Amino acid sequence: MIFKKVTIIGVGLIGGSIGKALKSNGLAGTVVGIGHRASSIDEALRRGAIDKGTLDAVKGVAGADLVVIATPVCLIPGIAKKISCSLKKGCIVTDAGSTKAEIVGSLERIFPKGVNFVGSHPLAGSEKRGIGFAQDNLFKGSVVIMTKTKKTKKPALAKLSGFWKSLGVGRIVIKSPEEHDRIVAEISHLPHIAAAAIVNTASDKSLEFASSGFKDTTRIAASDPGIWRDICVTNRKEILKALERYEKNIARLKKLIKSGSASRLSREFERSKARREKLS
């Protein structure tokens, strides 16, 4: 057992999977879930993701050794303000948000002295959402990026690292919030935007014939629109930089196609093939 009491705010795919992993491996004395609908709390209880549930965030975090905020990123600062006065001294707070610079900056200002905040981003999940898709092995072999700033306490960083490893995480990487946002803009946020643009480019008549190639390429376009709206709002600077580089690559391909240069097109596709194959 790593923590006596863990409180998870937001018991959807990520929060629910954390709860299920904690309970199935006996890693917490009590797992408390906080939601904004009684139905979601009831379902989390039925599915064994939490031991107790409440709609009252202030009461739910009282006495917690670890608080995990697993909600859409734009909600995180407001939640932090609401619970800050109820967190005990020594409590560790983390999040599971896909953007970090704005969140970390806000929460480090909000939480009082004695409460340790460390940002986290588990690179796991799917385009699905909700407790119904939660799995106790969701994080097995995955990567978690944790953030470190001048205000980050080393003991809290070490303990939270142990927490993620206990859930089956294969690799933990420590980055600054800004470096995190640059990385995910390129390998997570840009692909979603590109997938959305591809889906919206195809005509309705053409979509009738969409097969595995199109569906594999655009799978993430089926993700929750609200989540991706918030990501674009909170990481707009790095996303715009990534989009500019992407536009340059598209423009180069367009120019090669227009010129009919078969040899140069081959080199371009050979380069992308080689880089993609390195991933596997």
Protein backbone atom coordinates (compact mmCIF):
# COMPACT_ATOMS: atom_id res chain seq x y z
CA MET A 1 0.00 0.00 0.00
CA ILE A 2 1.50 3.32 -1.13
CA PHE A 3 -1.21 5.70 0.11
CA LYS A 4 -3.84 5.30 2.84
CA LYS A 5 -6.36 7.46 1.00
CA VAL A 6 -6.39 8.38 -2.68
CA THR A 7 -9.04 10.73 -4.05
CA ILE A 8 -9.73 10.76 -7.78
CA ILE A 9 -11.60 13.74 -9.19
CA GLY A 10 -13.19 12.62 -12.44
CA VAL A 11 -13.89 8.89 -12.67
CA GLY A 12 -13.96 8.49 -16.44
CA LEU A 13 -11.58 6.47 -18.60
CA ILE A 14 -8.34 7.70 -16.99
CA GLY A 15 -9.58 8.29 -13.45
CA GLY A 16 -11.56 5.07 -13.45
CA SER A 17 -8.58 3.10 -14.74
CA ILE A 18 -6.38 4.56 -11.99
CA GLY A 19 -8.97 3.54 -9.40
CA LYS A 20 -9.33 0.02 -10.79
CA ALA A 21 -5.53 -0.44 -10.88
CA LEU A 22 -5.18 0.80 -7.29
CA LYS A 23 -7.91 -1.51 -6.02
CA SER A 24 -6.96 -4.63 -7.97
CA ASN A 25 -3.35 -4.37 -6.77
CA GLY A 26 -4.10 -3.33 -3.19
CA LEU A 27 -2.14 -0.10 -3.56
CA ALA A 28 -4.42 2.17 -1.52
CA GLY A 29 -6.33 1.78 1.72
CA THR A 30 -9.33 3.72 0.41
CA VAL A 31 -10.09 5.07 -3.06
CA VAL A 32 -12.60 7.91 -3.13
CA GLY A 33 -14.15 9.08 -6.39
CA ILE A 34 -15.53 12.56 -7.00
CA GLY A 35 -17.85 13.31 -9.90
CA HIS A 36 -20.46 15.84 -10.95
CA ARG A 37 -23.23 13.29 -11.54
CA ALA A 38 -24.55 10.71 -9.06
CA SER A 39 -24.99 8.25 -11.93
CA SER A 40 -21.27 8.31 -12.79
CA ILE A 41 -20.33 7.74 -9.14
CA ASP A 42 -22.78 4.85 -8.90
CA GLU A 43 -21.34 3.26 -12.03
CA ALA A 44 -17.76 3.68 -10.75
CA LEU A 45 -18.79 1.90 -7.54
CA ARG A 46 -20.49 -0.92 -9.50
CA ARG A 47 -17.43 -1.40 -11.67
CA GLY A 48 -15.08 -1.57 -8.69
CA ALA A 49 -13.11 1.58 -9.56
CA ILE A 50 -13.66 3.26 -6.18
CA ASP A 51 -14.56 2.35 -2.60
CA LYS A 52 -16.58 5.48 -1.89
CA GLY A 53 -18.00 8.30 -3.98
CA THR A 54 -19.25 11.82 -3.51
CA LEU A 55 -20.33 14.89 -5.45
CA ASP A 56 -18.73 17.14 -2.83
CA ALA A 57 -15.10 17.73 -3.86
CA VAL A 58 -14.26 19.65 -0.68
CA LYS A 59 -15.32 16.75 1.57
CA GLY A 60 -13.92 14.13 -0.79
CA VAL A 61 -10.32 15.38 -0.65
CA ALA A 62 -10.24 15.86 3.14
CA GLY A 63 -7.51 13.67 4.65
CA ALA A 64 -6.29 12.39 1.27
CA ASP A 65 -2.62 11.52 0.88
CA LEU A 66 -2.88 11.75 -2.91
CA VAL A 67 -5.38 13.63 -5.06
CA VAL A 68 -5.55 12.92 -8.79
CA ILE A 69 -7.47 15.42 -10.95
CA ALA A 70 -8.55 13.54 -14.07
CA THR A 71 -10.92 16.03 -15.68
CA PRO A 72 -10.83 18.09 -18.90
CA VAL A 73 -7.93 20.53 -18.70
CA CYS A 74 -9.98 23.73 -18.60
CA LEU A 75 -11.73 22.55 -15.42
CA ILE A 76 -8.54 21.82 -13.47
CA PRO A 77 -7.70 25.34 -12.17
CA GLY A 78 -11.26 25.86 -10.92
CA ILE A 79 -11.22 22.50 -9.13
CA ALA A 80 -7.86 23.35 -7.56
CA LYS A 81 -9.23 26.60 -6.13
CA LYS A 82 -12.26 24.79 -4.74
CA ILE A 83 -10.32 22.06 -2.91
CA SER A 84 -7.19 23.97 -1.84
CA CYS A 85 -8.48 24.85 1.62
CA SER A 86 -9.38 21.20 2.40
CA LEU A 87 -6.05 19.54 1.52
CA LYS A 88 -4.01 18.29 4.44
CA LYS A 89 -0.37 19.23 4.88
CA GLY A 90 1.86 16.81 3.01
CA CYS A 91 -0.79 15.88 0.48
CA ILE A 92 0.43 15.29 -3.08
CA VAL A 93 -1.76 16.55 -5.89
CA THR A 94 -1.33 15.56 -9.52
CA ASP A 95 -3.40 15.78 -12.67
CA ALA A 96 -3.70 13.74 -15.84
CA GLY A 97 -4.12 16.62 -18.27
CA SER A 98 -2.79 16.67 -21.83
CA THR A 99 -1.39 20.19 -21.53
CA LYS A 100 0.86 21.43 -18.78
CA ALA A 101 2.29 24.98 -18.90
CA GLU A 102 -0.96 26.78 -18.06
CA ILE A 103 -2.10 24.14 -15.57
CA VAL A 104 1.18 23.86 -13.66
CA GLY A 105 1.58 27.63 -13.52
CA SER A 106 -1.95 28.06 -12.16
CA LEU A 107 -1.89 25.25 -9.62
CA GLU A 108 1.50 26.15 -8.19
CA ARG A 109 0.04 29.57 -7.38
CA ILE A 110 -3.22 28.17 -6.01
CA PHE A 111 -2.11 25.46 -3.59
CA PRO A 112 -0.93 26.52 -0.13
CA LYS A 113 2.48 25.81 1.35
CA GLY A 114 2.71 22.20 2.48
CA VAL A 115 0.67 20.84 -0.42
CA ASN A 116 2.85 19.33 -3.14
CA PHE A 117 1.71 19.60 -6.75
CA VAL A 118 3.41 17.63 -9.51
CA GLY A 119 1.96 17.58 -13.01
CA SER A 120 1.46 14.24 -14.76
CA HIS A 121 0.41 13.14 -18.22
CA PRO A 122 -0.12 9.41 -18.75
CA LEU A 123 0.24 8.73 -22.48
CA ALA A 124 -2.43 6.04 -22.44
CA GLY A 125 -6.09 5.74 -23.31
CA SER A 126 -8.17 5.85 -26.47
CA GLU A 127 -10.70 7.93 -28.32
CA LYS A 128 -13.35 6.41 -26.02
CA ARG A 129 -14.38 8.07 -22.79
CA GLY A 130 -16.25 7.16 -19.63
CA ILE A 131 -15.96 4.68 -16.79
CA GLY A 132 -17.37 1.97 -19.04
CA PHE A 133 -14.04 1.79 -20.88
CA ALA A 134 -11.82 1.89 -17.77
CA GLN A 135 -9.30 -0.95 -17.39
CA ASP A 136 -7.03 -1.91 -14.52
CA ASN A 137 -4.17 -2.56 -16.98
CA LEU A 138 -4.61 0.60 -19.07
CA PHE A 139 -1.20 1.98 -18.04
CA LYS A 140 0.78 -1.25 -18.41
CA GLY A 141 3.95 -0.54 -20.40
CA SER A 142 2.90 3.05 -21.13
CA VAL A 143 4.83 6.31 -20.76
CA VAL A 144 4.05 9.01 -18.21
CA ILE A 145 5.52 12.49 -18.50
CA MET A 146 5.87 14.22 -15.15
CA THR A 147 6.68 17.89 -14.84
CA LYS A 148 9.35 19.53 -12.73
CA THR A 149 9.77 23.21 -11.89
CA LYS A 150 11.74 25.21 -9.32
CA LYS A 151 8.85 24.69 -6.91
CA THR A 152 8.69 20.89 -7.29
CA LYS A 153 9.69 19.00 -4.15
CA LYS A 154 11.99 16.02 -4.80
CA PRO A 155 10.30 13.69 -2.26
CA ALA A 156 6.89 14.33 -3.85
CA LEU A 157 8.33 13.75 -7.32
CA ALA A 158 9.89 10.46 -6.18
CA LYS A 159 6.75 9.23 -4.42
CA LEU A 160 4.51 10.09 -7.36
CA SER A 161 6.94 8.34 -9.70
CA GLY A 162 6.60 5.23 -7.54
CA PHE A 163 2.83 5.56 -7.72
CA TRP A 164 2.79 5.53 -11.53
CA LYS A 165 5.23 2.61 -11.66
CA SER A 166 2.98 0.63 -9.33
CA LEU A 167 0.18 1.02 -11.89
CA GLY A 168 2.34 -0.74 -14.50
CA VAL A 169 3.81 2.29 -16.27
CA GLY A 170 6.85 1.24 -18.28
CA ARG A 171 8.71 4.54 -18.49
CA ILE A 172 8.59 7.83 -16.61
CA VAL A 173 10.08 10.95 -18.16
CA ILE A 174 10.63 14.23 -16.32
CA LYS A 175 10.22 17.41 -18.38
CA SER A 176 9.51 21.07 -17.84
CA PRO A 177 5.88 22.01 -18.48
CA GLU A 178 6.93 23.94 -21.60
CA GLU A 179 8.94 21.04 -23.03
CA HIS A 180 6.02 18.70 -22.37
CA ASP A 181 3.67 20.95 -24.32
CA ARG A 182 6.06 21.14 -27.27
CA ILE A 183 6.39 17.35 -27.42
CA VAL A 184 2.68 16.54 -27.20
CA ALA A 185 1.81 19.28 -29.69
CA GLU A 186 3.82 17.33 -32.26
CA ILE A 187 3.00 13.71 -31.39
CA SER A 188 -0.55 14.00 -30.02
CA HIS A 189 -2.28 17.31 -30.71
CA LEU A 190 -1.15 17.76 -34.33
CA PRO A 191 -2.25 14.22 -35.35
CA HIS A 192 -5.73 14.87 -33.97
CA ILE A 193 -6.05 18.16 -35.82
CA ALA A 194 -4.80 16.51 -39.02
CA ALA A 195 -7.26 13.63 -38.59
CA ALA A 196 -10.14 16.07 -38.07
CA ALA A 197 -9.13 18.02 -41.18
CA ILE A 198 -8.92 14.82 -43.29
CA VAL A 199 -12.40 13.70 -42.20
CA ASN A 200 -13.85 17.12 -42.95
CA THR A 201 -12.10 17.22 -46.35
CA ALA A 202 -13.67 14.01 -47.66
CA SER A 203 -17.10 14.42 -49.27
CA ASP A 204 -20.10 12.51 -47.94
CA LYS A 205 -20.18 10.42 -51.10
CA SER A 206 -16.53 9.48 -50.73
CA LEU A 207 -16.95 8.60 -47.06
CA GLU A 208 -19.34 5.82 -48.09
CA PHE A 209 -16.30 3.97 -49.44
CA ALA A 210 -13.94 4.66 -46.49
CA SER A 211 -12.04 1.49 -45.61
CA SER A 212 -9.31 0.47 -43.15
CA GLY A 213 -6.66 2.95 -44.36
CA PHE A 214 -8.94 5.95 -43.95
CA LYS A 215 -10.40 4.65 -40.68
CA ASP A 216 -6.97 3.89 -39.16
CA THR A 217 -5.64 7.30 -40.13
CA THR A 218 -8.63 9.19 -38.73
CA ARG A 219 -9.58 7.05 -35.69
CA ILE A 220 -8.69 9.80 -33.21
CA ALA A 221 -11.04 12.25 -34.93
CA ALA A 222 -13.81 10.39 -33.06
CA SER A 223 -12.48 11.68 -29.71
CA ASP A 224 -14.53 13.96 -27.47
CA PRO A 225 -14.79 17.42 -29.13
CA GLY A 226 -14.85 19.29 -25.82
CA ILE A 227 -11.60 17.74 -24.65
CA TRP A 228 -9.84 18.70 -27.88
CA ARG A 229 -11.29 22.20 -27.84
CA ASP A 230 -9.75 22.69 -24.37
CA ILE A 231 -6.41 21.24 -25.49
CA CYS A 232 -6.23 23.67 -28.41
CA VAL A 233 -7.09 26.59 -26.14
CA THR A 234 -4.52 25.73 -23.45
CA ASN A 235 -1.67 24.73 -25.77
CA ARG A 236 -2.32 27.05 -28.70
CA LYS A 237 1.25 28.43 -28.85
CA GLU A 238 2.95 25.05 -29.38
CA ILE A 239 0.14 23.69 -31.54
CA LEU A 240 0.45 26.66 -33.89
CA LYS A 241 4.21 26.07 -34.17
CA ALA A 242 3.60 22.41 -35.01
CA LEU A 243 0.95 23.36 -37.55
CA GLU A 244 3.35 25.75 -39.27
CA ARG A 245 5.89 22.95 -39.73
CA TYR A 246 3.16 20.59 -40.91
CA GLU A 247 1.94 23.15 -43.45
CA LYS A 248 5.49 23.43 -44.82
CA ASN A 249 5.64 19.66 -45.31
CA ILE A 250 2.24 19.64 -46.99
CA ALA A 251 3.32 22.51 -49.24
CA ARG A 252 6.47 20.62 -50.22
CA LEU A 253 4.49 17.49 -51.09
CA LYS A 254 2.00 19.57 -53.03
CA LYS A 255 4.83 21.15 -55.02
CA LEU A 256 6.37 17.73 -55.81
CA ILE A 257 3.02 16.31 -56.90
CA LYS A 258 2.36 19.35 -59.06
CA SER A 259 5.78 19.03 -60.73
CA GLY A 260 5.34 15.31 -61.30
CA SER A 261 8.81 14.57 -59.93
CA ALA A 262 8.58 10.81 -59.35
CA SER A 263 12.11 10.43 -57.99
CA ARG A 264 11.75 13.24 -55.44
CA LEU A 265 8.34 11.95 -54.37
CA SER A 266 9.88 8.52 -53.83
CA ARG A 267 12.59 9.99 -51.62
CA GLU A 268 10.00 11.89 -49.60
CA PHE A 269 7.89 8.78 -48.99
CA GLU A 270 10.97 6.64 -48.29
CA ARG A 271 12.02 9.14 -45.62
CA SER A 272 8.62 9.07 -43.92
CA LYS A 273 8.47 5.27 -44.15
CA ALA A 274 11.87 4.89 -42.49
CA ARG A 275 10.99 7.29 -39.69
CA ARG A 276 7.65 5.55 -39.07
CA GLU A 277 9.24 2.09 -38.99
CA LYS A 278 11.58 3.23 -36.21
CA LEU A 279 8.53 3.54 -33.95
CA SER A 280 7.85 -0.17 -34.09
